[in-house]
Amino acid sequence: MRLRPQPPRRLRVTRSGWTLALVAVGLGLAALPTGNNLLYLLLGAVLGLIGLSGVLSEAVLRGVQVEREPVRAVAGRPARVGYRVRNVHRRWPSYVLEIGERDHPARAFVAYLAPGTATVATLVRTWPRRGVVRLEELVVATAFPFGLFVKELRFRAPQEVLVWPRYDRPLPRDAAAVAGHRPTPTAARAGRATRGEFRALRDYRPGDDVRDVHWRSTARRGRPVVREYDPEGEAPLWLGLWPGPDPERAEAAIELAASLAVHWLTRGRAVGLRLPHRTLPPAPGEAQRTALLDALARLELGASPPPPPPPGGGGLLVSTAGPAPGWPAPLAP
């Protein structure tokens, strides 16, 4: 959403501003009874400095437009929040701009923005828990030119941020064996190897099947190396999630489900997700990864029925509420 700042402005006096105001009051009190021209001259200079500060800060903010970029965040990880800042003035540059959210102290900073140009200012923010976060009000402020006052603009800029659950939890040792590289019926009848065609060697990742370790390369490189196989011929993996009523255990179950989904999608597997009230059909690739993590970010906790069983049985169930009909024994976080 592209926004152009509009009145009303808000003004906050800094410590330097209060000091200068006290100096002005002192000069005025001293000049009135004495009639000293030098004191009147100094008082006029101080008041002129205050007035010039207000005029210049208004000129800096008047030509500013801001566009908040889409935000992707993972719970507990620093997330980049970007703001595209444009100066639509033809002649007057903008100086010392701070951009951020009203409900958070972090600020992005732009020192100088030439007339008719744009830049992207970023800040780093961390959301501790997954879910849907609403960003409501945006703040653009400047202390230019003398740091006496901070003039700021506040305006509504509603945007929804999906905070994904963490997906780097250690996987249970039996997760790879349970999910397996189960071939489709067509591949099985054709006698195709259950691990598909060999693709390449790569470094070991947590959750890899120890049967895939290539020991000769591991010894030569001094670090674990595994064989990677082409997923062609593998049956889609259905992942079920029944988070249960306990909030802390439910969040741990969601993180485990996210870790399992990303683990298998990274390896080229088609993964589907069954939640108590929603189903995502199996698919491979980055778009499916985004869809699964978005669904887990939006998942609301509370009493819920078990997820529907996958077609043909099998799959992986992550549950804190016990076994579910049609699923194998559940994995618990």
Protein backbone atom coordinates (compact mmCIF):
# COMPACT_ATOMS: atom_id res chain seq x y z
CA MET A 1 0.00 0.00 0.00
CA ARG A 2 1.51 3.31 -1.10
CA LEU A 3 0.84 6.15 1.29
CA ARG A 4 1.41 9.86 1.18
CA PRO A 5 1.68 11.53 4.58
CA GLN A 6 -1.16 13.87 5.46
CA PRO A 7 -1.84 16.15 8.46
CA PRO A 8 -2.14 16.14 11.39
CA ARG A 9 1.50 16.30 12.36
CA ARG A 10 2.71 15.40 15.83
CA LEU A 11 5.55 17.24 17.50
CA ARG A 12 7.74 15.93 20.28
CA VAL A 13 10.27 18.15 22.02
CA THR A 14 13.71 16.61 22.53
CA ARG A 15 16.03 17.26 25.47
CA SER A 16 17.92 19.79 23.34
CA GLY A 17 14.63 21.46 22.48
CA TRP A 18 13.63 21.82 26.13
CA THR A 19 17.06 23.23 26.90
CA LEU A 20 16.73 25.83 24.15
CA ALA A 21 13.21 26.70 25.31
CA LEU A 22 14.49 27.33 28.84
CA VAL A 23 17.28 29.48 27.40
CA ALA A 24 14.67 31.52 25.49
CA VAL A 25 12.59 32.00 28.63
CA GLY A 26 15.67 33.05 30.57
CA LEU A 27 16.71 35.55 27.91
CA GLY A 28 13.20 36.99 27.82
CA LEU A 29 13.05 37.40 31.59
CA ALA A 30 16.45 39.04 31.57
CA ALA A 31 15.76 41.34 28.62
CA LEU A 32 12.41 42.77 29.77
CA PRO A 33 13.53 44.60 32.92
CA THR A 34 16.95 45.64 31.62
CA GLY A 35 16.10 46.65 28.05
CA ASN A 36 19.47 45.29 26.96
CA ASN A 37 19.59 45.22 23.15
CA LEU A 38 22.07 42.33 23.08
CA LEU A 39 19.70 40.17 25.12
CA TYR A 40 16.84 41.05 22.75
CA LEU A 41 19.06 40.14 19.81
CA LEU A 42 19.94 36.77 21.34
CA LEU A 43 16.27 36.12 22.17
CA GLY A 44 15.31 36.87 18.58
CA ALA A 45 17.99 34.50 17.28
CA VAL A 46 16.79 31.66 19.53
CA LEU A 47 13.14 32.16 18.53
CA GLY A 48 14.16 32.35 14.89
CA LEU A 49 16.06 29.07 15.27
CA ILE A 50 12.93 27.42 16.69
CA GLY A 51 10.77 28.76 13.87
CA LEU A 52 13.27 27.72 11.19
CA SER A 53 13.38 24.22 12.65
CA GLY A 54 9.60 23.90 12.24
CA VAL A 55 9.64 25.17 8.65
CA LEU A 56 12.49 22.92 7.50
CA SER A 57 11.12 19.78 9.19
CA GLU A 58 7.75 20.36 7.50
CA ALA A 59 9.46 20.71 4.12
CA VAL A 60 11.33 17.44 4.69
CA LEU A 61 8.14 15.47 5.44
CA ARG A 62 5.76 17.08 2.97
CA GLY A 63 7.05 15.26 -0.13
CA VAL A 64 7.49 11.80 1.39
CA GLN A 65 5.58 8.73 0.20
CA VAL A 66 5.97 5.31 1.83
CA GLU A 67 5.14 1.79 0.68
CA ARG A 68 5.52 -1.12 3.10
CA GLU A 69 6.88 -4.21 1.38
CA PRO A 70 5.41 -7.70 1.99
CA VAL A 71 6.81 -9.29 5.14
CA ARG A 72 7.76 -12.96 5.61
CA ALA A 73 8.57 -14.03 9.15
CA VAL A 74 9.38 -17.19 11.09
CA ALA A 75 8.66 -17.38 14.82
CA GLY A 76 11.72 -16.58 16.90
CA ARG A 77 13.86 -15.52 13.95
CA PRO A 78 14.80 -11.97 12.95
CA ALA A 79 12.63 -10.85 10.03
CA ARG A 80 13.36 -8.07 7.56
CA VAL A 81 10.69 -5.38 7.25
CA GLY A 82 11.25 -3.12 4.26
CA TYR A 83 9.82 0.32 3.44
CA ARG A 84 10.07 1.85 0.00
CA VAL A 85 10.46 5.59 0.61
CA ARG A 86 9.99 8.10 -2.22
CA ASN A 87 10.61 11.84 -2.30
CA VAL A 88 8.18 13.40 -4.77
CA HIS A 89 9.57 16.93 -4.32
CA ARG A 90 11.13 18.31 -7.48
CA ARG A 91 13.67 20.53 -5.75
CA TRP A 92 13.80 19.84 -2.02
CA PRO A 93 15.62 16.76 -0.66
CA SER A 94 14.57 14.87 2.45
CA TYR A 95 16.94 14.37 5.38
CA VAL A 96 17.14 12.19 8.49
CA LEU A 97 13.96 10.15 8.10
CA GLU A 98 12.94 7.42 10.54
CA ILE A 99 10.27 4.92 9.45
CA GLY A 100 8.64 2.23 11.55
CA GLU A 101 5.52 0.90 13.23
CA ARG A 102 3.76 2.83 15.96
CA ASP A 103 3.52 -0.21 18.26
CA HIS A 104 7.22 -1.14 18.02
CA PRO A 105 10.35 0.91 18.80
CA ALA A 106 12.52 -0.36 15.91
CA ARG A 107 13.08 2.20 13.16
CA ALA A 108 14.49 2.15 9.65
CA PHE A 109 16.71 5.13 8.79
CA VAL A 110 17.22 7.22 5.66
CA ALA A 111 19.93 9.86 5.97
CA TYR A 112 19.38 11.60 2.62
CA LEU A 113 16.87 11.24 -0.20
CA ALA A 114 17.37 13.36 -3.30
CA PRO A 115 14.38 14.99 -5.06
CA GLY A 116 12.45 12.60 -7.29
CA THR A 117 14.25 9.48 -6.04
CA ALA A 118 13.33 6.44 -3.97
CA THR A 119 15.11 4.01 -1.70
CA VAL A 120 14.33 1.00 0.48
CA ALA A 121 14.90 1.31 4.22
CA THR A 122 14.86 -1.82 6.35
CA LEU A 123 14.59 -2.76 9.97
CA VAL A 124 14.81 -6.10 11.75
CA ARG A 125 12.01 -7.34 13.96
CA THR A 126 11.36 -10.66 15.70
CA TRP A 127 7.94 -12.13 16.41
CA PRO A 128 8.21 -14.74 19.19
CA ARG A 129 5.19 -16.88 18.20
CA ARG A 130 3.60 -18.03 14.97
CA GLY A 131 0.24 -16.71 13.88
CA VAL A 132 -1.41 -13.82 12.07
CA VAL A 133 -0.10 -10.37 13.03
CA ARG A 134 -1.77 -7.11 12.04
CA LEU A 135 0.39 -4.08 11.30
CA GLU A 136 -1.89 -1.08 11.67
CA GLU A 137 -0.22 2.31 11.96
CA LEU A 138 2.94 3.55 10.30
CA VAL A 139 5.18 6.36 11.59
CA VAL A 140 7.49 8.62 9.57
CA ALA A 141 9.52 11.06 11.67
CA THR A 142 12.43 13.47 11.41
CA ALA A 143 14.52 15.50 13.85
CA PHE A 144 15.93 17.63 11.01
CA PRO A 145 17.53 20.15 11.03
CA PHE A 146 18.76 20.87 14.58
CA GLY A 147 17.45 17.96 16.65
CA LEU A 148 15.28 20.29 18.75
CA PHE A 149 11.99 18.61 17.87
CA VAL A 150 10.87 15.32 16.36
CA LYS A 151 8.06 15.89 13.90
CA GLU A 152 6.20 12.76 12.92
CA LEU A 153 3.34 11.61 10.73
CA ARG A 154 1.08 8.76 11.81
CA PHE A 155 -1.32 7.17 9.39
CA ARG A 156 -3.17 3.90 9.04
CA ALA A 157 -1.46 1.29 6.86
CA PRO A 158 -3.16 -2.05 7.67
CA GLN A 159 -1.29 -5.14 6.54
CA GLU A 160 -1.42 -8.79 7.54
CA VAL A 161 1.81 -10.63 8.38
CA LEU A 162 1.88 -14.42 8.55
CA VAL A 163 4.44 -15.58 11.08
CA TRP A 164 5.38 -19.13 10.15
CA PRO A 165 6.13 -21.73 12.80
CA ARG A 166 9.73 -22.78 13.19
CA TYR A 167 10.63 -25.61 10.84
CA ASP A 168 14.10 -26.53 12.08
CA ARG A 169 13.17 -28.85 14.92
CA PRO A 170 15.16 -32.11 15.15
CA LEU A 171 13.16 -34.92 13.53
CA PRO A 172 12.41 -38.18 15.35
CA ARG A 173 14.74 -40.99 14.31
CA ASP A 174 11.85 -43.10 13.07
CA ALA A 175 10.29 -40.32 10.97
CA ALA A 176 12.31 -41.17 7.86
CA ALA A 177 11.60 -44.87 8.20
CA VAL A 178 7.85 -44.33 8.72
CA ALA A 179 7.52 -41.95 5.77
CA GLY A 180 9.93 -44.03 3.74
CA HIS A 181 10.44 -43.74 0.01
CA ARG A 182 7.25 -45.68 -0.63
CA PRO A 183 6.75 -46.29 -4.36
CA THR A 184 3.50 -45.76 -6.17
CA PRO A 185 1.66 -48.92 -7.16
CA THR A 186 2.71 -48.40 -10.78
CA ALA A 187 6.36 -48.11 -9.83
CA ALA A 188 6.13 -51.11 -7.53
CA ARG A 189 4.61 -53.30 -10.25
CA ALA A 190 7.37 -52.20 -12.61
CA GLY A 191 9.93 -53.35 -10.09
CA ARG A 192 11.39 -49.87 -9.70
CA ALA A 193 13.70 -49.32 -6.72
CA THR A 194 11.90 -47.71 -3.83
CA ARG A 195 14.49 -44.95 -3.64
CA GLY A 196 14.13 -43.89 -7.27
CA GLU A 197 17.07 -43.04 -9.49
CA PHE A 198 20.33 -41.88 -7.94
CA ARG A 199 20.73 -38.13 -8.43
CA ALA A 200 23.83 -36.86 -6.60
CA LEU A 201 25.82 -36.76 -3.38
CA ARG A 202 25.20 -34.00 -0.87
CA ASP A 203 25.99 -33.13 2.74
CA TYR A 204 23.98 -34.82 5.45
CA ARG A 205 20.97 -32.98 6.86
CA PRO A 206 19.20 -33.75 10.14
CA GLY A 207 16.56 -36.40 9.55
CA ASP A 208 18.30 -38.12 6.61
CA ASP A 209 18.10 -41.92 6.54
CA VAL A 210 21.41 -43.40 7.74
CA ARG A 211 21.03 -46.05 5.03
CA ASP A 212 21.74 -43.32 2.47
CA VAL A 213 25.15 -42.40 3.92
CA HIS A 214 27.94 -42.79 1.34
CA TRP A 215 30.74 -43.94 3.59
CA ARG A 216 33.61 -43.62 1.12
CA SER A 217 32.82 -39.97 0.39
CA THR A 218 32.19 -39.35 4.08
CA ALA A 219 35.67 -40.62 4.93
CA ARG A 220 37.28 -38.62 2.11
CA ARG A 221 35.57 -35.30 2.93
CA GLY A 222 35.64 -35.65 6.71
CA ARG A 223 31.92 -34.92 7.08
CA PRO A 224 28.75 -36.98 6.55
CA VAL A 225 27.71 -37.31 2.92
CA VAL A 226 24.51 -38.99 1.73
CA ARG A 227 23.08 -40.16 -1.57
CA GLU A 228 20.20 -38.12 -2.98
CA TYR A 229 17.61 -39.87 -5.12
CA ASP A 230 15.21 -38.69 -7.76
CA PRO A 231 11.72 -38.65 -6.20
CA GLU A 232 10.14 -40.02 -9.38
CA GLY A 233 8.04 -43.05 -8.57
CA GLU A 234 7.52 -42.16 -4.91
CA ALA A 235 4.02 -42.02 -3.50
CA PRO A 236 2.90 -38.64 -2.11
CA LEU A 237 3.39 -38.24 1.62
CA TRP A 238 0.33 -37.32 3.66
CA LEU A 239 1.11 -35.41 6.84
CA GLY A 240 -1.57 -35.20 9.51
CA LEU A 241 -1.68 -32.81 12.46
CA TRP A 242 -3.87 -33.07 15.56
CA PRO A 243 -2.48 -30.39 17.89
CA GLY A 244 -4.67 -31.10 20.90
CA PRO A 245 -5.95 -28.73 23.61
CA ASP A 246 -2.72 -27.92 25.48
CA PRO A 247 -1.30 -24.69 23.95
CA GLU A 248 2.40 -25.33 24.63
CA ARG A 249 2.34 -28.92 23.40
CA ALA A 250 0.19 -27.90 20.44
CA GLU A 251 2.73 -25.28 19.35
CA ALA A 252 5.51 -27.87 19.61
CA ALA A 253 3.43 -30.27 17.48
CA ILE A 254 2.90 -27.56 14.85
CA GLU A 255 6.64 -26.89 14.70
CA LEU A 256 7.35 -30.61 14.31
CA ALA A 257 4.79 -30.89 11.50
CA ALA A 258 6.33 -27.88 9.77
CA SER A 259 9.81 -29.39 10.12
CA LEU A 260 8.65 -32.71 8.64
CA ALA A 261 6.92 -31.00 5.73
CA VAL A 262 9.93 -28.83 4.87
CA HIS A 263 12.26 -31.81 5.28
CA TRP A 264 10.45 -33.88 2.65
CA LEU A 265 9.64 -31.01 0.30
CA THR A 266 13.30 -30.04 0.27
CA ARG A 267 14.06 -33.54 -0.97
CA GLY A 268 11.59 -33.26 -3.82
CA ARG A 269 8.73 -35.25 -2.27
CA ALA A 270 5.11 -34.37 -2.88
CA VAL A 271 3.60 -33.60 0.54
CA GLY A 272 -0.04 -33.10 1.50
CA LEU A 273 -1.41 -31.80 4.79
CA ARG A 274 -4.53 -32.84 6.68
CA LEU A 275 -5.64 -30.59 9.52
CA PRO A 276 -8.81 -31.04 11.59
CA HIS A 277 -10.76 -28.61 9.38
CA ARG A 278 -8.63 -28.25 6.27
CA THR A 279 -6.84 -30.36 3.67
CA LEU A 280 -4.06 -29.37 1.26
CA PRO A 281 -3.59 -31.90 -1.58
CA PRO A 282 -0.08 -33.31 -2.09
CA ALA A 283 2.28 -31.33 -4.32
CA PRO A 284 6.05 -30.79 -4.52
CA GLY A 285 7.99 -27.56 -4.73
CA GLU A 286 8.40 -24.14 -3.21
CA ALA A 287 4.79 -23.08 -3.76
CA GLN A 288 3.59 -26.07 -1.72
CA ARG A 289 6.08 -25.24 1.03
CA THR A 290 4.66 -21.71 1.23
CA ALA A 291 1.06 -22.99 1.23
CA LEU A 292 1.73 -25.51 4.01
CA LEU A 293 3.54 -23.02 6.23
CA ASP A 294 0.81 -20.42 5.63
CA ALA A 295 -1.83 -22.95 6.67
CA LEU A 296 0.10 -23.83 9.83
CA ALA A 297 0.56 -20.13 10.64
CA ARG A 298 -3.21 -19.58 10.42
CA LEU A 299 -4.14 -22.67 12.42
CA GLU A 300 -6.22 -21.75 15.48
CA LEU A 301 -5.90 -23.87 18.60
CA GLY A 302 -8.71 -25.35 20.65
CA ALA A 303 -10.83 -28.46 20.84
CA SER A 304 -10.99 -30.09 17.42
CA PRO A 305 -11.70 -33.49 15.83
CA PRO A 306 -8.86 -35.64 14.48
CA PRO A 307 -7.74 -35.00 10.90
CA PRO A 308 -9.40 -37.15 8.21
CA PRO A 309 -7.40 -40.29 7.36
CA PRO A 310 -5.29 -40.19 4.19
CA PRO A 311 -6.41 -42.13 1.14
CA GLY A 312 -4.83 -45.58 1.05
CA GLY A 313 -3.60 -45.38 4.65
CA GLY A 314 -0.03 -44.65 5.68
CA GLY A 315 1.28 -41.15 6.11
CA LEU A 316 2.68 -39.42 9.17
CA LEU A 317 0.56 -38.16 12.05
CA VAL A 318 1.83 -35.59 14.55
CA SER A 319 -0.47 -35.58 17.55
CA THR A 320 -0.58 -34.58 21.20
CA ALA A 321 -4.13 -35.91 21.56
CA GLY A 322 -3.38 -39.60 20.98
CA PRO A 323 -3.98 -41.92 18.00
CA ALA A 324 -6.38 -40.97 15.21
CA PRO A 325 -8.51 -43.37 13.13
CA GLY A 326 -6.91 -44.38 9.82
CA TRP A 327 -3.43 -43.09 10.75
CA PRO A 328 -0.36 -45.01 11.93
CA ALA A 329 0.97 -44.54 15.46
CA PRO A 330 1.45 -40.81 16.00
CA LEU A 331 4.70 -38.91 16.41
CA ALA A 332 4.74 -36.74 19.52
CA PRO A 333 6.87 -33.60 19.87
